[in-house]
Structure formats: C-alpha cells, structure tokens
Amino acid sequence: MFKKELDPEDFYYSPEGYIVFTEKHHLKRGYCCKSGCKHCPYGYNKKTGTIDTKPNNKSSV
C-alpha cells in the first residue's frame, strides 16, 4: 500500500491522540470520502448521506 508523507498543516492530534485531517488535507486529496470528517470542505452530511451543494462562506485554502 502506498503511504504518502503528511505535511504538518494536513493534520493535528486530538486530545485523545487521534489524527484529525484539516480542510487543507481534504482539498489536496481532491474528493469527499463520505466518512463525516470534522473539517470536510465538501459539505458532506453523515446523517443524511448527502453533500450540501450550497456555496459556503469558508475561505479557500
């Protein structure tokens, strides 16, 4: 399996020690994995299973 090195701005560790991917990482990846990620820039809603297509006010990274 290919394992790419992560840049420091791509993630941080939660207080519990888990890796949390940032919005920047998700944008670099280029698609939504539909896992309900905390910083998903694609607007995926895990409860409804849909992607919100409304433009948001978040700044691009």
C-alpha atoms as a PDB file:
ATOM      1  CA  MET A   1       0.000   0.000   0.000  1.00  0.00           C
ATOM      2  CA  PHE A   2       1.261   3.469  -0.873  1.00  0.00           C
ATOM      3  CA  LYS A   3       1.734   5.708   2.162  1.00  0.00           C
ATOM      4  CA  LYS A   4       2.292   9.387   1.456  1.00  0.00           C
ATOM      5  CA  GLU A   5       4.112  11.554   3.978  1.00  0.00           C
ATOM      6  CA  LEU A   6       1.781  14.092   5.616  1.00  0.00           C
ATOM      7  CA  ASP A   7       2.681  17.761   5.814  1.00  0.00           C
ATOM      8  CA  PRO A   8       2.308  19.411   9.247  1.00  0.00           C
ATOM      9  CA  GLU A   9      -0.604  21.567   8.025  1.00  0.00           C
ATOM     10  CA  ASP A  10      -2.517  18.459   6.888  1.00  0.00           C
ATOM     11  CA  PHE A  11      -3.432  17.188  10.346  1.00  0.00           C
ATOM     12  CA  TYR A  12      -3.306  17.628  14.094  1.00  0.00           C
ATOM     13  CA  TYR A  13      -3.728  15.289  17.048  1.00  0.00           C
ATOM     14  CA  SER A  14      -6.937  15.319  19.089  1.00  0.00           C
ATOM     15  CA  PRO A  15      -6.684  15.311  22.903  1.00  0.00           C
ATOM     16  CA  GLU A  16      -7.364  11.557  22.706  1.00  0.00           C
ATOM     17  CA  GLY A  17      -4.374  11.069  20.383  1.00  0.00           C
ATOM     18  CA  TYR A  18      -6.241  10.543  17.102  1.00  0.00           C
ATOM     19  CA  ILE A  19      -5.097  12.147  13.843  1.00  0.00           C
ATOM     20  CA  VAL A  20      -7.614  14.762  12.640  1.00  0.00           C
ATOM     21  CA  PHE A  21      -7.254  15.810   8.995  1.00  0.00           C
ATOM     22  CA  THR A  22      -7.577  19.517   8.242  1.00  0.00           C
ATOM     23  CA  GLU A  23      -9.594  21.164   5.485  1.00  0.00           C
ATOM     24  CA  LYS A  24      -6.327  21.732   3.618  1.00  0.00           C
ATOM     25  CA  HIS A  25      -5.626  17.974   3.554  1.00  0.00           C
ATOM     26  CA  HIS A  26      -9.099  17.197   2.230  1.00  0.00           C
ATOM     27  CA  LEU A  27      -8.734  19.782  -0.532  1.00  0.00           C
ATOM     28  CA  LYS A  28      -5.333  18.346  -1.507  1.00  0.00           C
ATOM     29  CA  ARG A  29      -6.902  14.887  -1.732  1.00  0.00           C
ATOM     30  CA  GLY A  30      -9.494  16.311  -4.116  1.00  0.00           C
ATOM     31  CA  TYR A  31     -12.641  14.375  -3.237  1.00  0.00           C
ATOM     32  CA  CYS A  32     -15.001  13.604  -0.363  1.00  0.00           C
ATOM     33  CA  CYS A  33     -14.502  10.221   1.313  1.00  0.00           C
ATOM     34  CA  LYS A  34     -18.027  10.394   2.834  1.00  0.00           C
ATOM     35  CA  SER A  35     -16.792   9.490   6.311  1.00  0.00           C
ATOM     36  CA  GLY A  36     -18.241  12.551   8.033  1.00  0.00           C
ATOM     37  CA  CYS A  37     -14.863  14.187   8.639  1.00  0.00           C
ATOM     38  CA  LYS A  38     -14.773  17.055  11.117  1.00  0.00           C
ATOM     39  CA  HIS A  39     -13.208  19.525   8.651  1.00  0.00           C
ATOM     40  CA  CYS A  40     -14.889  18.349   5.425  1.00  0.00           C
ATOM     41  CA  PRO A  41     -14.830  21.218   2.900  1.00  0.00           C
ATOM     42  CA  TYR A  42     -17.227  19.387   0.582  1.00  0.00           C
ATOM     43  CA  GLY A  43     -20.304  19.758   2.800  1.00  0.00           C
ATOM     44  CA  TYR A  44     -20.958  16.057   3.400  1.00  0.00           C
ATOM     45  CA  ASN A  45     -23.690  15.420   5.965  1.00  0.00           C
ATOM     46  CA  LYS A  46     -23.263  11.990   7.550  1.00  0.00           C
ATOM     47  CA  LYS A  47     -26.825  11.996   8.931  1.00  0.00           C
ATOM     48  CA  THR A  48     -28.476  12.491   5.535  1.00  0.00           C
ATOM     49  CA  GLY A  49     -25.755  10.934   3.372  1.00  0.00           C
ATOM     50  CA  THR A  50     -25.784  13.933   1.052  1.00  0.00           C
ATOM     51  CA  ILE A  51     -23.339  16.633   0.025  1.00  0.00           C
ATOM     52  CA  ASP A  52     -24.506  20.210   0.559  1.00  0.00           C
ATOM     53  CA  THR A  53     -24.063  21.917  -2.793  1.00  0.00           C
ATOM     54  CA  LYS A  54     -24.788  25.427  -1.490  1.00  0.00           C
ATOM     55  CA  PRO A  55     -21.759  27.709  -1.667  1.00  0.00           C
ATOM     56  CA  ASN A  56     -20.295  28.342   1.754  1.00  0.00           C
ATOM     57  CA  ASN A  57     -18.507  31.341   3.166  1.00  0.00           C
ATOM     58  CA  LYS A  58     -15.325  29.442   4.041  1.00  0.00           C
ATOM     59  CA  SER A  59     -12.183  30.793   2.527  1.00  0.00           C
ATOM     60  CA  SER A  60     -10.288  28.576   0.112  1.00  0.00           C
ATOM     61  CA  VAL A  61      -7.059  27.067   1.312  1.00  0.00           C
END
